[in-house]
Amino acid sequence: MAKKVVATLRTLGKEYSKVIRMKRSEKTGAYYFEETIVPVDKVQEFLAKR
């Protein structure tokens, strides 16, 4: 599946990056990972948001 996503991202014409952010659940206190695909120029903006 991962190879398929990477191949698809290259054919769209714009560069994209997969961002994985670790978050903490307020309910249980456990950590979980949030994966998102964003344009390369928006990565820093995405990571700055909480």
PDB file of N, CA and C in Angstrom:
ATOM      1  N   MET A   1       0.825  -1.191   0.000  1.00  0.00           N
ATOM      2  CA  MET A   1       0.000   0.000   0.000  1.00  0.00           C
ATOM      3  C   MET A   1       0.869   1.255   0.000  1.00  0.00           C
ATOM      4  N   ALA A   2       1.916   1.268   0.761  1.00  0.00           N
ATOM      5  CA  ALA A   2       2.763   2.457   0.840  1.00  0.00           C
ATOM      6  C   ALA A   2       3.379   2.791  -0.512  1.00  0.00           C
ATOM      7  N   LYS A   3       3.812   1.779  -1.236  1.00  0.00           N
ATOM      8  CA  LYS A   3       4.403   2.027  -2.548  1.00  0.00           C
ATOM      9  C   LYS A   3       3.370   2.627  -3.492  1.00  0.00           C
ATOM     10  N   LYS A   4       2.145   2.172  -3.397  1.00  0.00           N
ATOM     11  CA  LYS A   4       1.084   2.681  -4.252  1.00  0.00           C
ATOM     12  C   LYS A   4       0.821   4.162  -3.968  1.00  0.00           C
ATOM     13  N   VAL A   5       0.823   4.558  -2.703  1.00  0.00           N
ATOM     14  CA  VAL A   5       0.598   5.956  -2.332  1.00  0.00           C
ATOM     15  C   VAL A   5       1.721   6.828  -2.858  1.00  0.00           C
ATOM     16  N   VAL A   6       2.952   6.407  -2.702  1.00  0.00           N
ATOM     17  CA  VAL A   6       4.102   7.179  -3.171  1.00  0.00           C
ATOM     18  C   VAL A   6       4.041   7.347  -4.681  1.00  0.00           C
ATOM     19  N   ALA A   7       3.699   6.285  -5.396  1.00  0.00           N
ATOM     20  CA  ALA A   7       3.605   6.364  -6.847  1.00  0.00           C
ATOM     21  C   ALA A   7       2.500   7.338  -7.257  1.00  0.00           C
ATOM     22  N   THR A   8       1.395   7.342  -6.554  1.00  0.00           N
ATOM     23  CA  THR A   8       0.292   8.244  -6.854  1.00  0.00           C
ATOM     24  C   THR A   8       0.691   9.696  -6.582  1.00  0.00           C
ATOM     25  N   LEU A   9       1.419   9.943  -5.516  1.00  0.00           N
ATOM     26  CA  LEU A   9       1.816  11.308  -5.176  1.00  0.00           C
ATOM     27  C   LEU A   9       2.743  11.902  -6.226  1.00  0.00           C
ATOM     28  N   ARG A  10       3.553  11.105  -6.848  1.00  0.00           N
ATOM     29  CA  ARG A  10       4.485  11.609  -7.861  1.00  0.00           C
ATOM     30  C   ARG A  10       3.785  11.992  -9.152  1.00  0.00           C
ATOM     31  N   THR A  11       2.664  11.377  -9.456  1.00  0.00           N
ATOM     32  CA  THR A  11       1.998  11.636 -10.730  1.00  0.00           C
ATOM     33  C   THR A  11       1.046  12.826 -10.674  1.00  0.00           C
ATOM     34  N   LEU A  12       0.826  13.410  -9.513  1.00  0.00           N
ATOM     35  CA  LEU A  12      -0.116  14.524  -9.407  1.00  0.00           C
ATOM     36  C   LEU A  12       0.447  15.837  -9.925  1.00  0.00           C
ATOM     37  N   GLY A  13       1.757  15.928 -10.134  1.00  0.00           N
ATOM     38  CA  GLY A  13       2.349  17.138 -10.668  1.00  0.00           C
ATOM     39  C   GLY A  13       2.861  18.090  -9.613  1.00  0.00           C
ATOM     40  N   LYS A  14       2.412  17.973  -8.400  1.00  0.00           N
ATOM     41  CA  LYS A  14       2.877  18.821  -7.305  1.00  0.00           C
ATOM     42  C   LYS A  14       3.512  17.903  -6.267  1.00  0.00           C
ATOM     43  N   GLU A  15       4.548  18.376  -5.596  1.00  0.00           N
ATOM     44  CA  GLU A  15       5.231  17.535  -4.628  1.00  0.00           C
ATOM     45  C   GLU A  15       4.458  17.497  -3.319  1.00  0.00           C
ATOM     46  N   TYR A  16       4.239  16.298  -2.813  1.00  0.00           N
ATOM     47  CA  TYR A  16       3.543  16.089  -1.563  1.00  0.00           C
ATOM     48  C   TYR A  16       4.432  15.315  -0.613  1.00  0.00           C
ATOM     49  N   SER A  17       4.126  15.439   0.669  1.00  0.00           N
ATOM     50  CA  SER A  17       4.889  14.741   1.682  1.00  0.00           C
ATOM     51  C   SER A  17       3.924  14.135   2.687  1.00  0.00           C
ATOM     52  N   LYS A  18       4.280  12.967   3.199  1.00  0.00           N
ATOM     53  CA  LYS A  18       3.476  12.309   4.220  1.00  0.00           C
ATOM     54  C   LYS A  18       4.031  12.730   5.578  1.00  0.00           C
ATOM     55  N   VAL A  19       3.179  13.342   6.401  1.00  0.00           N
ATOM     56  CA  VAL A  19       3.592  13.847   7.705  1.00  0.00           C
ATOM     57  C   VAL A  19       2.955  12.978   8.785  1.00  0.00           C
ATOM     58  N   ILE A  20       3.786  12.509   9.707  1.00  0.00           N
ATOM     59  CA  ILE A  20       3.304  11.700  10.825  1.00  0.00           C
ATOM     60  C   ILE A  20       3.547  12.496  12.099  1.00  0.00           C
ATOM     61  N   ARG A  21       2.481  12.770  12.825  1.00  0.00           N
ATOM     62  CA  ARG A  21       2.562  13.571  14.043  1.00  0.00           C
ATOM     63  C   ARG A  21       2.085  12.726  15.230  1.00  0.00           C
ATOM     64  N   MET A  22       2.817  12.787  16.326  1.00  0.00           N
ATOM     65  CA  MET A  22       2.430  12.066  17.524  1.00  0.00           C
ATOM     66  C   MET A  22       1.569  12.979  18.388  1.00  0.00           C
ATOM     67  N   LYS A  23       0.425  12.469  18.820  1.00  0.00           N
ATOM     68  CA  LYS A  23      -0.486  13.237  19.653  1.00  0.00           C
ATOM     69  C   LYS A  23      -0.803  12.441  20.914  1.00  0.00           C
ATOM     70  N   ARG A  24      -1.308  13.134  21.905  1.00  0.00           N
ATOM     71  CA  ARG A  24      -1.668  12.483  23.151  1.00  0.00           C
ATOM     72  C   ARG A  24      -3.176  12.605  23.353  1.00  0.00           C
ATOM     73  N   SER A  25      -3.809  11.487  23.659  1.00  0.00           N
ATOM     74  CA  SER A  25      -5.241  11.462  23.898  1.00  0.00           C
ATOM     75  C   SER A  25      -5.553  12.110  25.236  1.00  0.00           C
ATOM     76  N   GLU A  26      -6.487  13.041  25.231  1.00  0.00           N
ATOM     77  CA  GLU A  26      -6.863  13.707  26.476  1.00  0.00           C
ATOM     78  C   GLU A  26      -7.655  12.772  27.378  1.00  0.00           C
ATOM     79  N   LYS A  27      -8.368  11.853  26.783  1.00  0.00           N
ATOM     80  CA  LYS A  27      -9.228  10.950  27.546  1.00  0.00           C
ATOM     81  C   LYS A  27      -8.419   9.889  28.297  1.00  0.00           C
ATOM     82  N   THR A  28      -7.505   9.222  27.582  1.00  0.00           N
ATOM     83  CA  THR A  28      -6.765   8.112  28.185  1.00  0.00           C
ATOM     84  C   THR A  28      -5.327   8.458  28.528  1.00  0.00           C
ATOM     85  N   GLY A  29      -4.775   9.496  27.925  1.00  0.00           N
ATOM     86  CA  GLY A  29      -3.385   9.862  28.165  1.00  0.00           C
ATOM     87  C   GLY A  29      -2.407   9.081  27.306  1.00  0.00           C
ATOM     88  N   ALA A  30      -2.913   8.184  26.468  1.00  0.00           N
ATOM     89  CA  ALA A  30      -2.058   7.380  25.591  1.00  0.00           C
ATOM     90  C   ALA A  30      -1.672   8.189  24.357  1.00  0.00           C
ATOM     91  N   TYR A  31      -0.535   7.849  23.780  1.00  0.00           N
ATOM     92  CA  TYR A  31      -0.079   8.501  22.560  1.00  0.00           C
ATOM     93  C   TYR A  31      -0.593   7.749  21.339  1.00  0.00           C
ATOM     94  N   TYR A  32      -0.872   8.487  20.276  1.00  0.00           N
ATOM     95  CA  TYR A  32      -1.258   7.885  19.006  1.00  0.00           C
ATOM     96  C   TYR A  32      -0.651   8.711  17.882  1.00  0.00           C
ATOM     97  N   PHE A  33      -0.629   8.137  16.689  1.00  0.00           N
ATOM     98  CA  PHE A  33      -0.004   8.783  15.547  1.00  0.00           C
ATOM     99  C   PHE A  33      -1.064   9.202  14.540  1.00  0.00           C
ATOM    100  N   GLU A  34      -0.915  10.420  14.030  1.00  0.00           N
ATOM    101  CA  GLU A  34      -1.821  10.964  13.028  1.00  0.00           C
ATOM    102  C   GLU A  34      -1.032  11.133  11.735  1.00  0.00           C
ATOM    103  N   GLU A  35      -1.468  10.486  10.669  1.00  0.00           N
ATOM    104  CA  GLU A  35      -0.781  10.562   9.377  1.00  0.00           C
ATOM    105  C   GLU A  35      -1.596  11.423   8.420  1.00  0.00           C
ATOM    106  N   THR A  36      -0.919  12.329   7.728  1.00  0.00           N
ATOM    107  CA  THR A  36      -1.577  13.231   6.789  1.00  0.00           C
ATOM    108  C   THR A  36      -0.659  13.464   5.592  1.00  0.00           C
ATOM    109  N   ILE A  37      -1.242  13.638   4.431  1.00  0.00           N
ATOM    110  CA  ILE A  37      -0.479  13.962   3.228  1.00  0.00           C
ATOM    111  C   ILE A  37      -0.743  15.430   2.904  1.00  0.00           C
ATOM    112  N   VAL A  38       0.341  16.219   2.887  1.00  0.00           N
ATOM    113  CA  VAL A  38       0.228  17.656   2.652  1.00  0.00           C
ATOM    114  C   VAL A  38       1.229  18.078   1.572  1.00  0.00           C
ATOM    115  N   PRO A  39       0.984  19.211   0.892  1.00  0.00           N
ATOM    116  CA  PRO A  39       1.971  19.734  -0.062  1.00  0.00           C
ATOM    117  C   PRO A  39       3.264  20.090   0.671  1.00  0.00           C
ATOM    118  N   VAL A  40       4.377  19.958  -0.007  1.00  0.00           N
ATOM    119  CA  VAL A  40       5.687  20.181   0.607  1.00  0.00           C
ATOM    120  C   VAL A  40       5.803  21.592   1.176  1.00  0.00           C
ATOM    121  N   ASP A  41       5.267  22.576   0.488  1.00  0.00           N
ATOM    122  CA  ASP A  41       5.386  23.949   0.971  1.00  0.00           C
ATOM    123  C   ASP A  41       4.517  24.240   2.193  1.00  0.00           C
ATOM    124  N   LYS A  42       3.614  23.356   2.563  1.00  0.00           N
ATOM    125  CA  LYS A  42       2.730  23.557   3.710  1.00  0.00           C
ATOM    126  C   LYS A  42       3.116  22.705   4.923  1.00  0.00           C
ATOM    127  N   VAL A  43       4.221  21.963   4.858  1.00  0.00           N
ATOM    128  CA  VAL A  43       4.603  21.046   5.934  1.00  0.00           C
ATOM    129  C   VAL A  43       4.876  21.804   7.226  1.00  0.00           C
ATOM    130  N   GLN A  44       5.682  22.851   7.184  1.00  0.00           N
ATOM    131  CA  GLN A  44       6.003  23.601   8.401  1.00  0.00           C
ATOM    132  C   GLN A  44       4.754  24.240   9.001  1.00  0.00           C
ATOM    133  N   GLU A  45       3.866  24.729   8.160  1.00  0.00           N
ATOM    134  CA  GLU A  45       2.629  25.330   8.635  1.00  0.00           C
ATOM    135  C   GLU A  45       1.753  24.280   9.335  1.00  0.00           C
ATOM    136  N   PHE A  46       1.708  23.084   8.764  1.00  0.00           N
ATOM    137  CA  PHE A  46       0.920  21.995   9.347  1.00  0.00           C
ATOM    138  C   PHE A  46       1.485  21.584  10.706  1.00  0.00           C
ATOM    139  N   LEU A  47       2.802  21.483  10.802  1.00  0.00           N
ATOM    140  CA  LEU A  47       3.427  21.061  12.060  1.00  0.00           C
ATOM    141  C   LEU A  47       3.344  22.146  13.130  1.00  0.00           C
ATOM    142  N   ALA A  48       3.224  23.395  12.743  1.00  0.00           N
ATOM    143  CA  ALA A  48       3.128  24.483  13.713  1.00  0.00           C
ATOM    144  C   ALA A  48       1.783  24.479  14.426  1.00  0.00           C
ATOM    145  N   LYS A  49       0.740  23.973  13.745  1.00  0.00           N
ATOM    146  CA  LYS A  49      -0.585  23.893  14.368  1.00  0.00           C
ATOM    147  C   LYS A  49      -0.565  22.800  15.428  1.00  0.00           C
ATOM    148  N   ARG A  50      -1.340  22.992  16.468  1.00  0.00           N
ATOM    149  CA  ARG A  50      -1.427  21.958  17.512  1.00  0.00           C
ATOM    150  C   ARG A  50      -2.735  21.285  17.454  1.00  0.00           C
TER     151      ARG A  50
END
